[in-house]
Amino acid sequence: MNVQSILEAKGHDVVTTRPETSIADVCRLLQRRRIGAVPVVDDAGTILGILSERDMVAGLSEHGVAVIGLTAAQLMSRQVRHCHPDDSIGEIMAVMTNRRVRHLPVIDEGRLCGLVSIGDVVKARLDEAALEVDSLRQYVMEAR
């Protein structure tokens, strides 16, 4: 199973934001869309960074309530780890675990084509495990 299989199940739609978007507006976007992170992109759709709930908590800790007036560009993580559609689930699990990130933008031929969360990865692994159990169960039943 690979990243492409996750995107086929969940879709390729990616919610993004602009660098000048206020943190207050990003918070509303995350809450309204029920997501935990959003890539920050320029006019061409190039990823400049990613802004997660974790980044906003760190901003709140550092700036207090003034964080609401900051922009996405001021709080975003600039070193964005990403993956490709052909990367295996095991590969991206290792990246997410080792780098302590919960969201990976999916880049194909230089453009953003999806976003994979740790929840997507866990669901894919559970689905894969269920398929293996069903296959083994079928094999045992046929062997009788």
Protein backbone atom coordinates (compact mmCIF):
# COMPACT_ATOMS: atom_id res chain seq x y z
CA MET A 1 0.00 0.00 0.00
CA ASN A 2 1.27 3.47 -0.84
CA VAL A 3 0.36 7.15 -0.47
CA GLN A 4 -1.55 7.11 -3.77
CA SER A 5 -3.94 4.50 -2.37
CA ILE A 6 -4.67 6.77 0.60
CA LEU A 7 -5.34 9.71 -1.73
CA GLU A 8 -7.64 7.61 -3.89
CA ALA A 9 -9.72 6.84 -0.80
CA LYS A 10 -9.75 10.30 0.78
CA GLY A 11 -9.39 12.54 -2.26
CA HIS A 12 -6.82 15.01 -3.50
CA ASP A 13 -8.45 18.15 -2.13
CA VAL A 14 -6.03 20.16 0.01
CA VAL A 15 -7.08 23.10 2.14
CA THR A 16 -4.34 25.75 1.97
CA THR A 17 -3.81 29.25 3.27
CA ARG A 18 -1.78 32.28 2.30
CA PRO A 19 1.20 33.69 4.24
CA GLU A 20 -0.65 36.91 5.09
CA THR A 21 -3.68 35.13 6.61
CA SER A 22 -4.15 36.01 10.28
CA ILE A 23 -3.79 33.30 12.89
CA ALA A 24 -7.36 34.05 13.97
CA ASP A 25 -8.55 33.20 10.43
CA VAL A 26 -6.37 30.08 10.28
CA CYS A 27 -7.87 28.89 13.59
CA ARG A 28 -11.38 29.38 12.19
CA LEU A 29 -10.39 27.51 9.00
CA LEU A 30 -8.97 24.55 10.93
CA GLN A 31 -12.03 24.37 13.16
CA ARG A 32 -14.54 24.75 10.31
CA ARG A 33 -12.82 22.12 8.14
CA ARG A 34 -12.01 19.85 11.13
CA ILE A 35 -8.34 19.58 10.19
CA GLY A 36 -5.12 19.87 12.18
CA ALA A 37 -2.76 21.57 9.74
CA VAL A 38 -2.75 23.64 6.59
CA PRO A 39 0.00 24.19 4.01
CA VAL A 40 0.91 27.83 3.47
CA VAL A 41 1.27 28.54 -0.26
CA ASP A 42 2.17 31.44 -2.54
CA ASP A 43 0.30 32.62 -5.66
CA ALA A 44 1.82 29.82 -7.75
CA GLY A 45 0.75 27.15 -5.23
CA THR A 46 4.32 26.55 -4.04
CA ILE A 47 4.50 25.42 -0.43
CA LEU A 48 6.22 28.03 1.74
CA GLY A 49 5.51 26.26 5.02
CA ILE A 50 2.93 24.39 7.02
CA LEU A 51 0.93 25.63 9.98
CA SER A 52 -0.33 23.12 12.50
CA GLU A 53 -2.16 23.22 15.80
CA ARG A 54 1.20 22.54 17.43
CA ASP A 55 2.68 25.68 15.80
CA MET A 56 -0.20 27.76 17.11
CA VAL A 57 0.16 26.39 20.64
CA ALA A 58 3.88 27.26 20.51
CA GLY A 59 2.94 30.74 19.26
CA LEU A 60 0.45 31.17 22.08
CA SER A 61 3.10 30.13 24.59
CA GLU A 62 5.60 32.62 23.16
CA HIS A 63 3.33 35.58 22.30
CA GLY A 64 0.30 35.16 24.55
CA VAL A 65 -3.02 36.42 23.23
CA ALA A 66 -1.16 38.65 20.74
CA VAL A 67 -0.69 35.48 18.65
CA ILE A 68 -4.15 36.11 17.17
CA GLY A 69 -2.80 39.17 15.35
CA LEU A 70 0.16 37.38 13.81
CA THR A 71 0.15 35.91 10.31
CA ALA A 72 0.55 32.39 9.03
CA ALA A 73 4.02 33.31 7.72
CA GLN A 74 5.11 34.35 11.22
CA LEU A 75 4.19 31.03 12.86
CA MET A 76 4.48 28.41 10.13
CA SER A 77 7.10 25.70 10.12
CA ARG A 78 9.34 26.51 7.17
CA GLN A 79 11.10 23.17 6.82
CA VAL A 80 8.29 21.10 5.39
CA ARG A 81 8.70 17.35 5.17
CA HIS A 82 6.74 15.93 2.27
CA CYS A 83 6.12 12.64 0.51
CA HIS A 84 5.35 11.35 -2.97
CA PRO A 85 2.37 9.34 -4.22
CA ASP A 86 4.53 6.24 -4.73
CA ASP A 87 6.00 6.27 -1.18
CA SER A 88 4.98 3.27 0.90
CA ILE A 89 2.90 3.58 4.05
CA GLY A 90 5.85 2.16 6.00
CA GLU A 91 8.16 4.86 4.65
CA ILE A 92 5.88 7.73 5.61
CA MET A 93 5.14 6.18 9.00
CA ALA A 94 8.89 6.22 9.67
CA VAL A 95 9.17 9.87 8.59
CA MET A 96 6.19 10.89 10.73
CA THR A 97 7.55 9.02 13.74
CA ASN A 98 11.18 10.09 13.43
CA ARG A 99 10.41 13.73 12.61
CA ARG A 100 7.45 13.97 14.99
CA VAL A 101 5.10 15.34 12.34
CA ARG A 102 1.46 14.44 11.91
CA HIS A 103 0.87 15.82 8.41
CA LEU A 104 2.81 15.34 5.17
CA PRO A 105 2.01 17.26 2.00
CA VAL A 106 2.10 15.01 -1.05
CA ILE A 107 4.14 16.44 -3.93
CA ASP A 108 3.94 15.02 -7.44
CA GLU A 109 5.99 16.53 -10.26
CA GLY A 110 6.61 19.64 -8.17
CA ARG A 111 3.00 20.36 -7.30
CA LEU A 112 0.90 19.81 -4.19
CA CYS A 113 -1.56 16.99 -4.89
CA GLY A 114 -2.66 15.92 -1.42
CA LEU A 115 -2.06 15.94 2.31
CA VAL A 116 -1.70 12.79 4.41
CA SER A 117 -2.28 12.80 8.16
CA ILE A 118 -1.23 10.27 10.75
CA GLY A 119 -4.92 9.36 11.03
CA ASP A 120 -4.98 8.52 7.31
CA VAL A 121 -1.91 6.31 7.77
CA VAL A 122 -3.38 4.49 10.78
CA LYS A 123 -6.64 3.89 8.90
CA ALA A 124 -4.73 2.52 5.89
CA ARG A 125 -2.72 0.15 8.11
CA LEU A 126 -5.86 -1.05 9.88
CA ASP A 127 -7.58 -1.65 6.54
CA GLU A 128 -4.51 -3.53 5.33
CA ALA A 129 -4.43 -5.67 8.49
CA ALA A 130 -8.15 -6.46 8.17
CA LEU A 131 -7.62 -7.55 4.57
CA GLU A 132 -4.77 -9.85 5.65
CA VAL A 133 -6.92 -11.39 8.40
CA ASP A 134 -9.78 -11.96 5.95
CA SER A 135 -7.40 -13.53 3.43
CA LEU A 136 -5.95 -15.86 6.06
CA ARG A 137 -9.41 -16.76 7.30
CA GLN A 138 -10.47 -17.57 3.72
CA TYR A 139 -7.33 -19.66 3.19
CA VAL A 140 -7.96 -21.70 6.35
CA MET A 141 -11.61 -22.26 5.44
CA GLU A 142 -10.69 -23.45 1.94
CA ALA A 143 -8.01 -25.79 3.33
CA ARG A 144 -10.58 -27.68 5.41
